[in-house]
Amino acid sequence: MKTHPEHPAPAGTRTERDTMGELAVPANAYYGVQTARAIENFPISSLRMPRSVIRAMGLIKRAAAAVNRSLGLLAQQPADAIKQAATEVVEGKLDAEFPVDVFQTGSGTSTNMNTNEVISNRATELLGGARGSKLVHPNDHVNLGQSSNDVIPTAIHIAASETIQHHLLPALTRLHRALAKKAKEFDAIVKIGRTHLQDATPVRLGQEFSGYARQIELGIARMKRAQEALSEVALGGTAVGTGLNCHPEFSSKVMAAISQETGCSFREATNHFEAQSTQDSLVEASGELRTLAVSLMKIANDIRWLGSGPRCGLGEIQLPETQPGSSIMPGKVNPVIAESVTMVCAQVIGNDVTVTIGGQAGNFELIVMLPVMAYNLLQSIELLATASDNFAAKCIEGITANKERCQSLIEESLAMCTALAPEIGYEAAAKLAKEAYRSGKTVREVAKEQKVLPEKQLDELLDPWRMTEPGGPVGSAGG
C-alpha cells in the first residue's frame, strides 16, 4: 500500500521511502521498502529462496563488511553491527524476514535488497537506531562494493558447493560404502545374468552390486567436478563485469574468508564478463547432478526387479520390509524406498531442464533467470542427498540374498550354450539351445544326450562359476 506524507501509515506499519516514493512496511519487520515492493510485485507462488542461498548471502555480507573495514572503506561501528546482523542471517535466526518469491526479478535483485535491508535494520537496531532509519544504510554500507549482479550468482555458487560438500557427498559416501559391502558379501553367489530382459550367461550377484558401487563412486567424482565448476565466482564484477565502485582487492579477500569458513574452494572469476553474463557453471553442475540421478534410477530399478515377488517374480534378493504395501492385499510389501528414489531422480532430471533453459537466458552483460536456476539446482542437490542417505539406510544396508533362488534359475537358462560355442561353433550351439527350449530340457541335458562333447569337458564348460570370470576357450560370447 502506498502512503503519502499527508496520510499517516496504517496501524502496525511504518513508512519507508526509496527512489520510487513511500510505502508502508510492517512495523516489526526487519525488511524494508524494496522488499515490500517485491512482495506486492511477485505474488506468484509459495516458493522462496532456499535456506542455503540465504545463508550464503549472510556469509557474503559478513565477509564484505570485514573486508571493507580492513580496506578503510567502512567505519568500525557499522562494520561490527553489519557483521553481527549478518551472522544472525547465516545462523537462520532471521529466516522469516525473507518472504520474496522465487519468481521475481531475473537477476535476484529483490533477494539482494531483501538481505541488505534486513541486515541494515538489524544493524541499525544494534546501534540503538529505529528500524527504517537507515543509520546503517542498506546500499551505502551493507552493499558496499557490490551489485546484485555479482552477489546473487556468487551466493548460488557458495550455496550449491557447500550443500554438495556437507550433505550430498557424505550421503553418497554412505551409499557407496553400503553397495561395496554388499558386493563383497554377495560375491560367492552365482546367478543368471540378463540382457534385453532376457536370460544371459551367469554373473555373480556381487558383480552386479560392484557395478552399482562403481556408479556411485563415479557420481562422487562428478560432484567434485561440479564443485570445481562452481569455484569461480562473479563477486567483484559489480554491475556489468567492469568492477565499477569495487576495490580491486575486495573479491579475493572476501572469497578467501568464505573459503576458509565453508571448507569449499572459491576464487574470483578469471573473466567477470563471462561470470555475470552466463551461468554455464550452473548448467554444468546441474548436468552432473542429472547424471547422478540417471545412475540412481538404474540402481533403484534393478533393486526393485531383483527383489520382485516374493514368489512369482525374480526374488533373487530380499528387501527390508518398511511398511504394508497394500490397502486391500494383506501381507503385501512393496519396494517403497527404491520407488521414492526413482521419483527423486525424475524430479532432478526435470529440474535440469529448467536450469538448462535458465542458462540460455544470458542477454549481453547479465543472465536473468538466476532465482529459478538457484531453486532448482539446490532442490536437486538436497533431494539427491536425502534420497541417497535414505536409500542406503532403509534399503541397501538391509538387503539379503536368496542364494537358493539365484542358483535354481541358472541351470534353466538357454544362454548356458554360449560356453559351448567356442568348441562346437555358434550355429551348433544355437541349434542345441533351440532343442532345449522345444523339449523343455536344460542345455546340459540335451548336450549330454547328443554327446556333443565328452561329459567331463561338458561339465567344465558348463560350470556357472567359470562363466563369471574371463578366460576359457575364445569364441563369440553372444549379445
Protein backbone atom coordinates (compact mmCIF):
# COMPACT_ATOMS: atom_id res chain seq x y z
CA MET A 1 0.00 0.00 0.00
CA LYS A 2 1.42 3.39 -0.99
CA THR A 3 1.22 6.21 1.54
CA HIS A 4 1.57 9.98 1.18
CA PRO A 5 3.12 12.48 3.57
CA GLU A 6 -0.29 13.90 4.46
CA HIS A 7 -1.68 10.44 5.32
CA PRO A 8 -0.20 8.56 8.27
CA ALA A 9 0.87 4.94 7.83
CA PRO A 10 -1.75 2.33 8.79
CA ALA A 11 -1.60 0.97 12.31
CA GLY A 12 1.09 -1.64 12.79
CA THR A 13 3.20 -0.24 9.96
CA ARG A 14 5.96 2.26 9.41
CA THR A 15 6.52 4.41 6.34
CA GLU A 16 9.73 3.98 4.38
CA ARG A 17 10.96 5.81 1.31
CA ASP A 18 13.04 4.72 -1.66
CA THR A 19 13.72 6.28 -5.07
CA MET A 20 10.15 5.47 -6.17
CA GLY A 21 8.42 7.09 -3.20
CA GLU A 22 6.91 5.97 0.07
CA LEU A 23 5.43 2.63 1.09
CA ALA A 24 4.02 1.16 4.29
CA VAL A 25 6.12 -1.63 5.81
CA PRO A 26 5.11 -3.82 8.78
CA ALA A 27 6.41 -2.02 11.85
CA ASN A 28 8.12 -5.09 13.28
CA ALA A 29 9.71 -6.22 10.00
CA TYR A 30 13.44 -6.09 9.53
CA TYR A 31 12.98 -5.94 5.78
CA GLY A 32 12.28 -2.57 4.19
CA VAL A 33 10.59 -0.74 1.38
CA GLN A 34 12.20 -2.53 -1.57
CA THR A 35 11.31 -5.91 -0.11
CA ALA A 36 7.74 -4.68 0.46
CA ARG A 37 7.56 -3.70 -3.21
CA ALA A 38 8.80 -7.13 -4.23
CA ILE A 39 6.12 -8.79 -2.09
CA GLU A 40 3.50 -6.74 -3.94
CA ASN A 41 5.05 -7.29 -7.36
CA PHE A 42 5.59 -11.06 -7.20
CA PRO A 43 2.56 -12.84 -5.66
CA ILE A 44 3.41 -15.83 -7.86
CA SER A 45 3.94 -18.93 -5.76
CA SER A 46 4.68 -20.34 -2.33
CA LEU A 47 8.30 -20.95 -3.34
CA ARG A 48 11.04 -19.00 -1.58
CA MET A 49 14.80 -18.86 -1.97
CA PRO A 50 16.43 -21.93 -0.41
CA ARG A 51 17.80 -21.51 3.12
CA SER A 52 21.27 -22.34 1.78
CA VAL A 53 21.17 -19.29 -0.51
CA ILE A 54 20.06 -17.01 2.33
CA ARG A 55 22.90 -18.41 4.44
CA ALA A 56 25.34 -17.71 1.59
CA MET A 57 24.05 -14.14 1.33
CA GLY A 58 24.78 -13.70 5.02
CA LEU A 59 28.27 -15.10 4.57
CA ILE A 60 28.96 -12.65 1.75
CA LYS A 61 27.64 -9.61 3.62
CA ARG A 62 29.55 -10.51 6.77
CA ALA A 63 32.83 -11.03 4.95
CA ALA A 64 32.24 -7.90 2.85
CA ALA A 65 31.85 -5.76 5.98
CA ALA A 66 35.06 -7.14 7.46
CA VAL A 67 37.00 -6.61 4.23
CA ASN A 68 35.60 -3.12 3.65
CA ARG A 69 36.62 -2.22 7.20
CA SER A 70 40.14 -3.60 6.65
CA LEU A 71 40.42 -1.57 3.44
CA GLY A 72 39.43 1.61 5.27
CA LEU A 73 36.15 1.92 3.37
CA LEU A 74 33.77 1.35 6.28
CA ALA A 75 33.85 2.73 9.82
CA GLN A 76 34.28 0.37 12.74
CA GLN A 77 30.81 0.74 14.29
CA PRO A 78 28.70 0.00 11.20
CA ALA A 79 31.11 -2.75 10.16
CA ASP A 80 30.77 -4.53 13.50
CA ALA A 81 26.99 -4.13 13.53
CA ILE A 82 26.72 -5.48 9.97
CA LYS A 83 28.86 -8.48 10.89
CA GLN A 84 26.67 -9.26 13.89
CA ALA A 85 23.44 -8.86 11.92
CA ALA A 86 24.82 -10.93 9.03
CA THR A 87 25.77 -13.66 11.49
CA GLU A 88 22.13 -13.88 12.53
CA VAL A 89 21.23 -14.32 8.85
CA VAL A 90 23.86 -17.04 8.48
CA GLU A 91 22.52 -18.86 11.53
CA GLY A 92 18.92 -18.74 10.31
CA LYS A 93 17.63 -16.50 13.10
CA LEU A 94 16.07 -14.08 10.61
CA ASP A 95 14.69 -16.54 8.05
CA ALA A 96 11.14 -15.24 8.48
CA GLU A 97 12.35 -11.91 7.08
CA PHE A 98 12.94 -13.34 3.59
CA PRO A 99 9.45 -13.55 2.03
CA VAL A 100 10.29 -12.75 -1.60
CA ASP A 101 9.04 -15.21 -4.21
CA VAL A 102 11.49 -17.23 -6.30
CA PHE A 103 9.74 -15.95 -9.42
CA GLN A 104 10.99 -12.37 -9.16
CA THR A 105 13.46 -10.14 -10.96
CA GLY A 106 15.71 -12.39 -13.03
CA SER A 107 18.93 -11.04 -11.51
CA GLY A 108 17.74 -11.75 -7.98
CA THR A 109 17.93 -8.04 -7.10
CA SER A 110 14.91 -8.35 -4.83
CA THR A 111 16.66 -11.03 -2.78
CA ASN A 112 19.85 -8.99 -2.58
CA MET A 113 17.94 -5.90 -1.42
CA ASN A 114 15.89 -8.07 0.96
CA THR A 115 19.19 -9.18 2.51
CA ASN A 116 20.62 -5.65 2.55
CA GLU A 117 17.51 -4.27 4.25
CA VAL A 118 17.27 -6.99 6.87
CA ILE A 119 20.94 -6.60 7.81
CA SER A 120 20.66 -2.79 7.64
CA ASN A 121 17.70 -2.64 10.01
CA ARG A 122 19.09 -5.23 12.42
CA ALA A 123 22.48 -3.48 12.45
CA THR A 124 20.74 -0.12 12.96
CA GLU A 125 18.84 -1.62 15.89
CA LEU A 126 22.06 -2.97 17.38
CA LEU A 127 23.46 0.55 17.29
CA GLY A 128 20.40 1.97 19.05
CA GLY A 129 18.57 3.29 15.99
CA ALA A 130 14.99 2.67 14.89
CA ARG A 131 14.11 0.23 12.13
CA GLY A 132 13.75 2.14 8.88
CA SER A 133 16.00 4.99 9.98
CA LYS A 134 18.91 3.66 7.89
CA LEU A 135 21.53 4.53 10.47
CA VAL A 136 23.31 1.64 8.77
CA HIS A 137 22.35 2.08 5.12
CA PRO A 138 21.34 -0.97 3.03
CA ASN A 139 23.10 0.29 -0.11
CA ASP A 140 25.88 2.56 1.10
CA HIS A 141 27.07 0.25 3.89
CA VAL A 142 25.74 -3.33 3.58
CA ASN A 143 26.05 -3.43 -0.23
CA LEU A 144 29.33 -1.52 -0.34
CA GLY A 145 31.49 -2.67 -3.28
CA GLN A 146 28.75 -4.99 -4.52
CA SER A 147 25.93 -5.31 -7.02
CA SER A 148 23.04 -7.77 -7.15
CA ASN A 149 24.52 -8.86 -10.46
CA ASP A 150 27.66 -10.26 -8.87
CA VAL A 151 26.38 -11.08 -5.36
CA ILE A 152 23.47 -13.34 -6.36
CA PRO A 153 25.41 -15.66 -8.69
CA THR A 154 28.18 -15.82 -6.09
CA ALA A 155 25.68 -16.78 -3.39
CA ILE A 156 24.25 -19.53 -5.60
CA HIS A 157 27.74 -20.96 -6.18
CA ILE A 158 28.51 -20.87 -2.46
CA ALA A 159 25.19 -22.47 -1.52
CA ALA A 160 25.47 -25.22 -4.12
CA SER A 161 29.09 -26.10 -3.37
CA GLU A 162 28.57 -26.03 0.39
CA THR A 163 25.45 -28.24 0.15
CA ILE A 164 27.31 -30.71 -2.04
CA GLN A 165 30.21 -30.73 0.41
CA HIS A 166 28.28 -31.13 3.63
CA HIS A 167 25.16 -33.04 2.55
CA LEU A 168 25.42 -34.77 -0.80
CA LEU A 169 28.98 -36.11 -0.65
CA PRO A 170 28.52 -37.69 2.82
CA ALA A 171 25.26 -39.31 1.66
CA LEU A 172 26.90 -40.68 -1.49
CA THR A 173 29.84 -41.94 0.55
CA ARG A 174 27.46 -43.89 2.78
CA LEU A 175 25.59 -45.30 -0.22
CA HIS A 176 28.84 -46.29 -1.94
CA ARG A 177 30.07 -47.99 1.22
CA ALA A 178 26.79 -49.94 1.55
CA LEU A 179 26.85 -51.10 -2.06
CA ALA A 180 30.52 -52.05 -1.92
CA LYS A 181 29.87 -54.06 1.25
CA LYS A 182 27.04 -55.94 -0.45
CA ALA A 183 29.23 -56.57 -3.49
CA LYS A 184 31.75 -58.30 -1.24
CA GLU A 185 29.07 -60.11 0.77
CA PHE A 186 27.35 -61.48 -2.36
CA ASP A 187 30.47 -62.29 -4.36
CA ALA A 188 30.14 -66.06 -3.94
CA ILE A 189 26.53 -66.15 -5.20
CA VAL A 190 26.25 -67.11 -8.86
CA LYS A 191 23.01 -66.20 -10.64
CA ILE A 192 21.72 -65.75 -14.14
CA GLY A 193 22.62 -62.60 -16.00
CA ARG A 194 20.08 -60.73 -18.09
CA THR A 195 20.38 -58.65 -21.25
CA HIS A 196 17.37 -57.18 -23.06
CA LEU A 197 15.41 -58.52 -20.04
CA GLN A 198 16.16 -62.00 -21.37
CA ASP A 199 18.28 -64.79 -19.88
CA ALA A 200 22.00 -64.35 -20.50
CA THR A 201 25.18 -66.00 -19.24
CA PRO A 202 25.77 -66.31 -15.47
CA VAL A 203 27.03 -63.47 -13.35
CA ARG A 204 27.74 -63.22 -9.64
CA LEU A 205 25.32 -61.18 -7.56
CA GLY A 206 28.35 -59.45 -6.07
CA GLN A 207 29.47 -58.44 -9.55
CA GLU A 208 26.12 -56.76 -10.17
CA PHE A 209 26.42 -54.86 -6.91
CA SER A 210 30.02 -53.91 -7.71
CA GLY A 211 28.67 -52.18 -10.83
CA TYR A 212 26.27 -50.19 -8.70
CA ALA A 213 29.04 -49.27 -6.28
CA ARG A 214 31.19 -48.06 -9.16
CA GLN A 215 28.33 -45.90 -10.46
CA ILE A 216 28.17 -44.11 -7.12
CA GLU A 217 31.96 -43.85 -6.94
CA LEU A 218 31.88 -42.10 -10.30
CA GLY A 219 28.98 -39.99 -9.04
CA ILE A 220 31.15 -38.77 -6.18
CA ALA A 221 33.81 -37.78 -8.71
CA ARG A 222 31.17 -35.96 -10.74
CA MET A 223 30.07 -33.99 -7.69
CA LYS A 224 33.63 -32.89 -7.10
CA ARG A 225 33.79 -31.76 -10.73
CA ALA A 226 30.60 -29.81 -10.14
CA GLN A 227 32.27 -28.09 -7.18
CA GLU A 228 35.21 -27.19 -9.40
CA ALA A 229 32.82 -25.61 -11.91
CA LEU A 230 31.25 -23.61 -9.07
CA SER A 231 34.57 -22.47 -7.62
CA GLU A 232 34.88 -19.38 -9.87
CA VAL A 233 32.57 -16.64 -8.62
CA ALA A 234 31.30 -13.36 -10.03
CA LEU A 235 31.90 -11.20 -6.95
CA GLY A 236 33.99 -8.17 -7.86
CA GLY A 237 32.39 -7.57 -11.24
CA THR A 238 29.62 -5.33 -9.81
CA ALA A 239 27.03 -4.18 -12.36
CA VAL A 240 28.33 -5.39 -15.74
CA GLY A 241 31.66 -7.07 -15.01
CA THR A 242 33.89 -4.00 -15.05
CA GLY A 243 34.25 -3.84 -11.26
CA LEU A 244 32.97 -0.27 -11.06
CA ASN A 245 32.76 1.03 -7.44
CA CYS A 246 34.63 -2.00 -6.09
CA HIS A 247 38.09 -2.09 -4.52
CA PRO A 248 40.38 -4.33 -6.64
CA GLU A 249 41.26 -6.49 -3.62
CA PHE A 250 37.67 -6.83 -2.40
CA SER A 251 36.64 -10.06 -4.14
CA SER A 252 39.78 -12.05 -3.45
CA LYS A 253 39.74 -11.13 0.25
CA VAL A 254 36.03 -11.88 0.67
CA MET A 255 36.25 -15.23 -1.08
CA ALA A 256 39.34 -16.25 0.89
CA ALA A 257 37.38 -15.72 4.10
CA ILE A 258 34.34 -17.63 2.81
CA SER A 259 36.50 -20.48 1.50
CA GLN A 260 38.06 -20.89 4.93
CA GLU A 261 34.69 -20.82 6.68
CA THR A 262 32.83 -23.21 4.37
CA GLY A 263 35.62 -25.67 3.64
CA CYS A 264 34.97 -25.19 -0.08
CA SER A 265 37.30 -23.53 -2.54
CA PHE A 266 36.21 -20.26 -4.17
CA ARG A 267 38.14 -17.73 -6.23
CA GLU A 268 37.42 -14.59 -8.20
CA ALA A 269 36.40 -15.29 -11.78
CA THR A 270 39.10 -15.21 -14.42
CA ASN A 271 36.75 -13.16 -16.60
CA HIS A 272 33.91 -11.26 -14.95
CA PHE A 273 32.06 -10.72 -18.20
CA GLU A 274 31.71 -14.48 -18.59
CA ALA A 275 30.84 -14.94 -14.92
CA GLN A 276 27.94 -12.48 -15.00
CA SER A 277 26.54 -12.77 -18.50
CA THR A 278 26.35 -16.58 -18.34
CA GLN A 279 25.97 -19.35 -15.83
CA ASP A 280 27.48 -22.20 -17.81
CA SER A 281 28.92 -23.33 -14.47
CA LEU A 282 25.44 -23.89 -13.02
CA VAL A 283 24.38 -25.72 -16.18
CA GLU A 284 27.46 -27.93 -15.88
CA ALA A 285 26.82 -28.63 -12.20
CA SER A 286 23.19 -29.44 -12.94
CA GLY A 287 24.30 -31.80 -15.69
CA GLU A 288 26.48 -33.68 -13.23
CA LEU A 289 23.50 -33.93 -10.87
CA ARG A 290 21.34 -35.21 -13.72
CA THR A 291 23.92 -37.91 -14.48
CA LEU A 292 23.91 -38.95 -10.83
CA ALA A 293 20.11 -39.12 -10.97
CA VAL A 294 20.31 -41.40 -14.00
CA SER A 295 22.73 -43.66 -12.11
CA LEU A 296 20.45 -43.82 -9.09
CA MET A 297 17.45 -44.52 -11.31
CA LYS A 298 19.25 -47.52 -12.81
CA ILE A 299 20.27 -48.87 -9.39
CA ALA A 300 16.85 -48.35 -7.80
CA ASN A 301 15.04 -50.01 -10.69
CA ASP A 302 17.40 -53.00 -10.67
CA ILE A 303 16.88 -53.38 -6.92
CA ARG A 304 13.10 -53.36 -7.43
CA TRP A 305 13.32 -56.02 -10.14
CA LEU A 306 15.79 -58.23 -8.26
CA GLY A 307 13.51 -58.16 -5.23
CA SER A 308 10.28 -58.67 -7.16
CA GLY A 309 7.97 -61.42 -5.95
CA PRO A 310 8.41 -62.69 -3.36
CA ARG A 311 7.29 -65.93 -5.00
CA CYS A 312 6.20 -65.11 -8.53
CA GLY A 313 8.91 -62.62 -9.52
CA LEU A 314 12.68 -62.79 -9.75
CA GLY A 315 13.08 -62.89 -5.98
CA GLU A 316 16.88 -63.06 -6.05
CA ILE A 317 17.20 -60.61 -3.17
CA GLN A 318 15.02 -59.73 -0.20
CA LEU A 319 14.44 -56.07 0.58
CA PRO A 320 13.88 -54.79 4.11
CA GLU A 321 10.19 -54.57 4.97
CA THR A 322 9.38 -50.94 5.76
CA GLN A 323 5.58 -50.65 5.62
CA PRO A 324 2.46 -52.53 4.49
CA GLY A 325 2.21 -52.34 0.73
CA SER A 326 -1.48 -52.50 0.05
CA SER A 327 -4.76 -51.29 1.49
CA ILE A 328 -6.55 -54.32 0.07
CA MET A 329 -3.98 -57.15 -0.20
CA PRO A 330 -2.94 -58.30 3.29
CA GLY A 331 0.72 -59.14 3.74
CA LYS A 332 1.88 -57.36 0.59
CA VAL A 333 5.16 -55.42 0.96
CA ASN A 334 6.35 -53.07 -1.76
CA PRO A 335 9.82 -51.69 -2.65
CA VAL A 336 8.80 -48.23 -1.50
CA ILE A 337 12.26 -46.89 -0.69
CA ALA A 338 13.52 -47.67 -4.18
CA GLU A 339 10.35 -46.14 -5.63
CA SER A 340 10.93 -42.92 -3.71
CA VAL A 341 14.44 -42.78 -5.19
CA THR A 342 13.09 -43.11 -8.74
CA MET A 343 10.70 -40.20 -8.15
CA VAL A 344 13.54 -38.06 -6.83
CA CYS A 345 15.52 -38.90 -9.95
CA ALA A 346 12.62 -37.88 -12.17
CA GLN A 347 12.38 -34.55 -10.33
CA VAL A 348 16.11 -33.90 -10.66
CA ILE A 349 16.07 -34.67 -14.38
CA GLY A 350 13.19 -32.20 -14.77
CA ASN A 351 15.00 -29.60 -12.68
CA ASP A 352 17.96 -29.91 -15.02
CA VAL A 353 15.77 -28.89 -17.94
CA THR A 354 14.80 -25.71 -16.07
CA VAL A 355 18.42 -24.94 -15.20
CA THR A 356 19.43 -25.52 -18.82
CA ILE A 357 16.76 -23.15 -20.12
CA GLY A 358 17.82 -20.65 -17.47
CA GLY A 359 21.37 -20.91 -18.72
CA GLN A 360 20.19 -19.72 -22.13
CA ALA A 361 18.81 -16.51 -20.60
CA GLY A 362 22.04 -14.53 -20.72
CA ASN A 363 21.50 -11.31 -22.62
CA PHE A 364 24.55 -9.14 -23.19
CA GLU A 365 26.05 -8.44 -19.72
CA LEU A 366 23.60 -10.28 -17.46
CA ILE A 367 21.80 -13.60 -17.10
CA VAL A 368 18.20 -13.11 -15.97
CA MET A 369 16.84 -16.41 -14.65
CA LEU A 370 19.10 -16.74 -11.63
CA PRO A 371 16.46 -17.25 -8.89
CA VAL A 372 14.74 -20.15 -10.61
CA MET A 373 18.10 -21.69 -11.52
CA ALA A 374 19.10 -21.44 -7.86
CA TYR A 375 15.87 -23.01 -6.63
CA ASN A 376 16.04 -25.99 -8.98
CA LEU A 377 19.76 -26.62 -8.57
CA LEU A 378 19.59 -26.50 -4.78
CA GLN A 379 16.48 -28.67 -4.71
CA SER A 380 18.27 -31.27 -6.85
CA ILE A 381 21.27 -31.35 -4.51
CA GLU A 382 19.11 -31.64 -1.39
CA LEU A 383 16.84 -34.32 -2.89
CA LEU A 384 19.74 -36.43 -4.09
CA ALA A 385 21.43 -36.11 -0.70
CA THR A 386 18.41 -37.13 1.38
CA ALA A 387 17.30 -39.84 -1.06
CA SER A 388 20.79 -41.37 -1.24
CA ASP A 389 21.15 -41.46 2.52
CA ASN A 390 17.68 -42.93 2.95
CA PHE A 391 18.29 -45.49 0.18
CA ALA A 392 21.42 -46.67 1.96
CA ALA A 393 19.88 -46.71 5.45
CA LYS A 394 16.46 -48.18 4.75
CA CYS A 395 17.12 -50.39 1.77
CA ILE A 396 20.66 -51.26 0.64
CA GLU A 397 22.16 -51.93 4.08
CA GLY A 398 19.37 -54.38 4.88
CA ILE A 399 19.28 -56.36 1.64
CA THR A 400 19.83 -60.10 1.88
CA ALA A 401 20.38 -62.58 -0.94
CA ASN A 402 18.15 -65.51 -1.83
CA LYS A 403 21.01 -67.84 -2.69
CA GLU A 404 18.82 -70.84 -3.47
CA ARG A 405 16.68 -68.82 -5.87
CA CYS A 406 19.74 -67.44 -7.63
CA GLN A 407 21.21 -70.91 -8.14
CA SER A 408 17.97 -72.60 -9.19
CA LEU A 409 17.47 -70.38 -12.21
CA ILE A 410 20.93 -70.80 -13.71
CA GLU A 411 20.56 -74.33 -14.99
CA GLU A 412 17.31 -73.42 -16.77
CA SER A 413 18.94 -70.72 -18.89
CA LEU A 414 19.33 -71.37 -22.59
CA ALA A 415 22.23 -68.92 -22.59
CA MET A 416 24.35 -71.64 -20.98
CA CYS A 417 25.01 -72.83 -24.52
CA THR A 418 27.24 -69.76 -25.01
CA ALA A 419 30.07 -71.56 -23.19
CA LEU A 420 29.89 -74.36 -25.76
CA ALA A 421 30.13 -72.11 -28.83
CA PRO A 422 33.97 -71.88 -28.91
CA GLU A 423 34.12 -75.72 -29.01
CA ILE A 424 31.19 -76.71 -31.22
CA GLY A 425 30.56 -73.47 -33.14
CA TYR A 426 27.92 -70.77 -32.88
CA GLU A 427 25.33 -72.43 -35.13
CA ALA A 428 25.58 -75.83 -33.45
CA ALA A 429 25.26 -74.18 -30.03
CA ALA A 430 22.21 -72.22 -31.21
CA LYS A 431 20.62 -75.40 -32.56
CA LEU A 432 21.23 -77.09 -29.21
CA ALA A 433 19.57 -74.18 -27.37
CA LYS A 434 16.52 -74.30 -29.61
CA GLU A 435 16.15 -78.03 -28.98
CA ALA A 436 16.43 -77.47 -25.24
CA TYR A 437 13.69 -74.85 -25.45
CA ARG A 438 11.45 -77.07 -27.60
CA SER A 439 11.84 -80.10 -25.37
CA GLY A 440 11.74 -78.32 -22.02
CA LYS A 441 15.10 -79.78 -21.08
CA THR A 442 18.23 -77.97 -19.98
CA VAL A 443 21.14 -77.23 -22.28
CA ARG A 444 23.26 -79.62 -20.24
CA GLU A 445 20.73 -82.45 -20.63
CA VAL A 446 20.43 -82.04 -24.40
CA ALA A 447 24.21 -81.72 -24.84
CA LYS A 448 24.75 -84.97 -22.93
CA GLU A 449 22.02 -86.76 -24.86
CA GLN A 450 23.54 -85.66 -28.18
CA LYS A 451 27.07 -86.35 -26.91
CA VAL A 452 28.32 -83.10 -28.44
CA LEU A 453 31.40 -83.24 -26.18
CA PRO A 454 32.84 -85.65 -23.61
CA GLU A 455 30.89 -85.44 -20.34
CA LYS A 456 33.86 -84.24 -18.31
CA GLN A 457 34.51 -81.43 -20.78
CA LEU A 458 30.82 -80.52 -20.78
CA ASP A 459 30.81 -80.23 -17.00
CA GLU A 460 33.88 -77.99 -17.12
CA LEU A 461 32.45 -75.74 -19.82
CA LEU A 462 29.02 -75.52 -18.19
CA ASP A 463 30.34 -74.70 -14.73
CA PRO A 464 28.43 -71.46 -13.86
CA TRP A 465 31.23 -70.04 -11.70
CA ARG A 466 33.71 -70.46 -14.52
CA MET A 467 31.40 -68.41 -16.75
CA THR A 468 31.61 -65.44 -14.41
CA GLU A 469 35.36 -65.00 -14.97
CA PRO A 470 37.41 -64.08 -18.05
CA GLY A 471 39.30 -66.86 -19.84
CA GLY A 472 38.41 -70.28 -21.17
CA PRO A 473 38.02 -71.08 -24.86
CA VAL A 474 37.84 -68.00 -27.09
CA GLY A 475 34.79 -67.51 -29.30
CA SER A 476 31.65 -65.47 -29.79
CA ALA A 477 30.17 -64.56 -26.40
CA GLY A 478 26.66 -63.68 -27.50
CA GLY A 479 24.86 -60.37 -27.45
